[in-house]
Amino acid sequence: MDKVYIVEGQTIGFEDTYSAIAGVHTTEEGARKRMREEIDSRCIGIKDQFEEQFNDEDYAEDFEDYETFEEFWTDWVDGNFVTSDYWRYSDETDFTYVVFITTRTLED
């Protein structure tokens, strides 16, 4: 039996939820790559804010363990994985961002 890996993203707010399938893949590797792309897409505002702070001397102490912003961002994303197939982050504005992979078995 063949399997497909479905990547889904959700942005959950107090009054609304936006949910969409981000991709369907035939390999786990492809789904994990798409999962990271979906995290970047859903969290673009957060990423931009961190990048501004990374380049601001007033926040230098917050980023002293990182040589590059990409290194920081990868570490931040990795720190919000609940499991290898489920990523979640809640910010101070009461938004929750969730990206996950579900596996489905295709039957003949």
C-alpha atoms as a PDB file:
ATOM      1  CA  MET A   1       0.000   0.000   0.000  1.00  0.00           C
ATOM      2  CA  ASP A   2       1.190   3.467  -0.862  1.00  0.00           C
ATOM      3  CA  LYS A   3       1.203   6.344   1.590  1.00  0.00           C
ATOM      4  CA  VAL A   4       0.794  10.076   1.187  1.00  0.00           C
ATOM      5  CA  TYR A   5       1.915  12.722   3.632  1.00  0.00           C
ATOM      6  CA  ILE A   6      -0.392  15.712   4.001  1.00  0.00           C
ATOM      7  CA  VAL A   7       0.991  18.993   5.327  1.00  0.00           C
ATOM      8  CA  GLU A   8      -1.611  21.274   6.870  1.00  0.00           C
ATOM      9  CA  GLY A   9      -1.259  24.707   8.431  1.00  0.00           C
ATOM     10  CA  GLN A  10      -3.563  26.579  10.773  1.00  0.00           C
ATOM     11  CA  THR A  11      -3.619  30.085  12.160  1.00  0.00           C
ATOM     12  CA  ILE A  12      -5.959  30.222  15.125  1.00  0.00           C
ATOM     13  CA  GLY A  13      -7.187  33.517  16.522  1.00  0.00           C
ATOM     14  CA  PHE A  14      -9.767  34.519  19.093  1.00  0.00           C
ATOM     15  CA  GLU A  15     -12.522  35.011  16.519  1.00  0.00           C
ATOM     16  CA  ASP A  16     -11.330  33.074  13.471  1.00  0.00           C
ATOM     17  CA  THR A  17      -9.314  30.123  12.263  1.00  0.00           C
ATOM     18  CA  TYR A  18      -7.602  29.868   8.917  1.00  0.00           C
ATOM     19  CA  SER A  19      -6.719  26.331   7.892  1.00  0.00           C
ATOM     20  CA  ALA A  20      -5.365  25.049   4.596  1.00  0.00           C
ATOM     21  CA  ILE A  21      -3.647  22.035   3.150  1.00  0.00           C
ATOM     22  CA  ALA A  22      -0.164  23.188   2.225  1.00  0.00           C
ATOM     23  CA  GLY A  23       0.834  20.133   0.246  1.00  0.00           C
ATOM     24  CA  VAL A  24       0.457  16.421  -0.359  1.00  0.00           C
ATOM     25  CA  HIS A  25       3.655  14.435  -0.790  1.00  0.00           C
ATOM     26  CA  THR A  26       4.596  10.880  -1.627  1.00  0.00           C
ATOM     27  CA  THR A  27       7.724  10.990   0.537  1.00  0.00           C
ATOM     28  CA  GLU A  28       8.224  11.850   4.166  1.00  0.00           C
ATOM     29  CA  GLU A  29      11.267  13.924   3.215  1.00  0.00           C
ATOM     30  CA  GLY A  30       9.209  16.052   0.826  1.00  0.00           C
ATOM     31  CA  ALA A  31       6.538  16.585   3.481  1.00  0.00           C
ATOM     32  CA  ARG A  32       9.098  17.682   6.086  1.00  0.00           C
ATOM     33  CA  LYS A  33      10.615  20.181   3.657  1.00  0.00           C
ATOM     34  CA  ARG A  34       7.152  21.567   2.853  1.00  0.00           C
ATOM     35  CA  MET A  35       6.355  21.695   6.574  1.00  0.00           C
ATOM     36  CA  ARG A  36       9.298  24.064   7.178  1.00  0.00           C
ATOM     37  CA  GLU A  37       8.251  26.198   4.207  1.00  0.00           C
ATOM     38  CA  GLU A  38       4.728  26.434   5.649  1.00  0.00           C
ATOM     39  CA  ILE A  39       6.118  27.465   9.047  1.00  0.00           C
ATOM     40  CA  ASP A  40       8.125  30.232   7.355  1.00  0.00           C
ATOM     41  CA  SER A  41       5.058  31.338   5.409  1.00  0.00           C
ATOM     42  CA  ARG A  42       2.688  31.397   8.385  1.00  0.00           C
ATOM     43  CA  CYS A  43       5.218  33.128  10.633  1.00  0.00           C
ATOM     44  CA  ILE A  44       6.627  35.656   8.147  1.00  0.00           C
ATOM     45  CA  GLY A  45       5.719  38.593  10.393  1.00  0.00           C
ATOM     46  CA  ILE A  46       7.386  36.976  13.398  1.00  0.00           C
ATOM     47  CA  LYS A  47      10.447  36.123  11.310  1.00  0.00           C
ATOM     48  CA  ASP A  48      10.707  39.706  10.018  1.00  0.00           C
ATOM     49  CA  GLN A  49      10.431  41.102  13.546  1.00  0.00           C
ATOM     50  CA  PHE A  50      13.176  38.794  14.844  1.00  0.00           C
ATOM     51  CA  GLU A  51      15.379  39.672  11.867  1.00  0.00           C
ATOM     52  CA  GLU A  52      15.001  43.400  12.599  1.00  0.00           C
ATOM     53  CA  GLN A  53      15.948  42.762  16.225  1.00  0.00           C
ATOM     54  CA  PHE A  54      18.879  40.570  15.183  1.00  0.00           C
ATOM     55  CA  ASN A  55      20.349  43.513  13.291  1.00  0.00           C
ATOM     56  CA  ASP A  56      19.598  46.047  16.068  1.00  0.00           C
ATOM     57  CA  GLU A  57      22.350  46.737  18.616  1.00  0.00           C
ATOM     58  CA  ASP A  58      19.750  47.178  21.368  1.00  0.00           C
ATOM     59  CA  TYR A  59      18.900  43.457  21.085  1.00  0.00           C
ATOM     60  CA  ALA A  60      22.436  42.138  20.498  1.00  0.00           C
ATOM     61  CA  GLU A  61      22.521  40.359  23.859  1.00  0.00           C
ATOM     62  CA  ASP A  62      19.430  38.311  22.933  1.00  0.00           C
ATOM     63  CA  PHE A  63      21.234  36.855  19.913  1.00  0.00           C
ATOM     64  CA  GLU A  64      24.822  36.582  21.158  1.00  0.00           C
ATOM     65  CA  ASP A  65      24.906  32.792  20.711  1.00  0.00           C
ATOM     66  CA  TYR A  66      24.217  33.061  16.972  1.00  0.00           C
ATOM     67  CA  GLU A  67      26.555  33.943  14.117  1.00  0.00           C
ATOM     68  CA  THR A  68      23.775  34.402  11.543  1.00  0.00           C
ATOM     69  CA  PHE A  69      20.079  35.096  11.557  1.00  0.00           C
ATOM     70  CA  GLU A  70      19.435  31.847   9.657  1.00  0.00           C
ATOM     71  CA  GLU A  71      21.095  29.913  12.495  1.00  0.00           C
ATOM     72  CA  PHE A  72      18.853  31.671  15.025  1.00  0.00           C
ATOM     73  CA  TRP A  73      15.709  31.110  12.945  1.00  0.00           C
ATOM     74  CA  THR A  74      16.409  27.388  12.489  1.00  0.00           C
ATOM     75  CA  ASP A  75      16.938  27.019  16.234  1.00  0.00           C
ATOM     76  CA  TRP A  76      13.738  28.959  17.011  1.00  0.00           C
ATOM     77  CA  VAL A  77      11.673  26.833  14.611  1.00  0.00           C
ATOM     78  CA  ASP A  78      13.202  23.612  15.978  1.00  0.00           C
ATOM     79  CA  GLY A  79      12.398  24.724  19.535  1.00  0.00           C
ATOM     80  CA  ASN A  80       8.666  24.827  18.770  1.00  0.00           C
ATOM     81  CA  PHE A  81       8.292  21.263  17.496  1.00  0.00           C
ATOM     82  CA  VAL A  82       6.022  19.270  19.815  1.00  0.00           C
ATOM     83  CA  THR A  83       6.772  16.078  17.866  1.00  0.00           C
ATOM     84  CA  SER A  84       8.590  15.545  14.584  1.00  0.00           C
ATOM     85  CA  ASP A  85       5.222  15.838  12.772  1.00  0.00           C
ATOM     86  CA  TYR A  86       3.591  18.607  14.832  1.00  0.00           C
ATOM     87  CA  TRP A  87       4.787  22.211  15.231  1.00  0.00           C
ATOM     88  CA  ARG A  88       3.054  24.841  17.357  1.00  0.00           C
ATOM     89  CA  TYR A  89       3.687  28.424  18.462  1.00  0.00           C
ATOM     90  CA  SER A  90       1.474  30.857  20.391  1.00  0.00           C
ATOM     91  CA  ASP A  91       2.373  34.527  20.444  1.00  0.00           C
ATOM     92  CA  GLU A  92       1.492  37.339  22.814  1.00  0.00           C
ATOM     93  CA  THR A  93      -1.320  38.544  20.533  1.00  0.00           C
ATOM     94  CA  ASP A  94      -3.371  35.392  21.189  1.00  0.00           C
ATOM     95  CA  PHE A  95      -2.620  33.831  17.819  1.00  0.00           C
ATOM     96  CA  THR A  96      -1.586  30.202  17.608  1.00  0.00           C
ATOM     97  CA  TYR A  97       0.214  28.818  14.584  1.00  0.00           C
ATOM     98  CA  VAL A  98       0.106  25.078  13.956  1.00  0.00           C
ATOM     99  CA  VAL A  99       1.686  23.054  11.148  1.00  0.00           C
ATOM    100  CA  PHE A 100       1.462  19.286  11.058  1.00  0.00           C
ATOM    101  CA  ILE A 101       1.796  16.205   8.882  1.00  0.00           C
ATOM    102  CA  THR A 102      -0.773  13.450   8.691  1.00  0.00           C
ATOM    103  CA  THR A 103      -0.126  10.156   6.954  1.00  0.00           C
ATOM    104  CA  ARG A 104      -2.758   8.414   4.896  1.00  0.00           C
ATOM    105  CA  THR A 105      -2.558   4.961   3.381  1.00  0.00           C
ATOM    106  CA  LEU A 106      -3.937   4.647  -0.118  1.00  0.00           C
ATOM    107  CA  GLU A 107      -5.930   1.528  -0.844  1.00  0.00           C
ATOM    108  CA  ASP A 108      -6.214  -0.125  -4.240  1.00  0.00           C
END
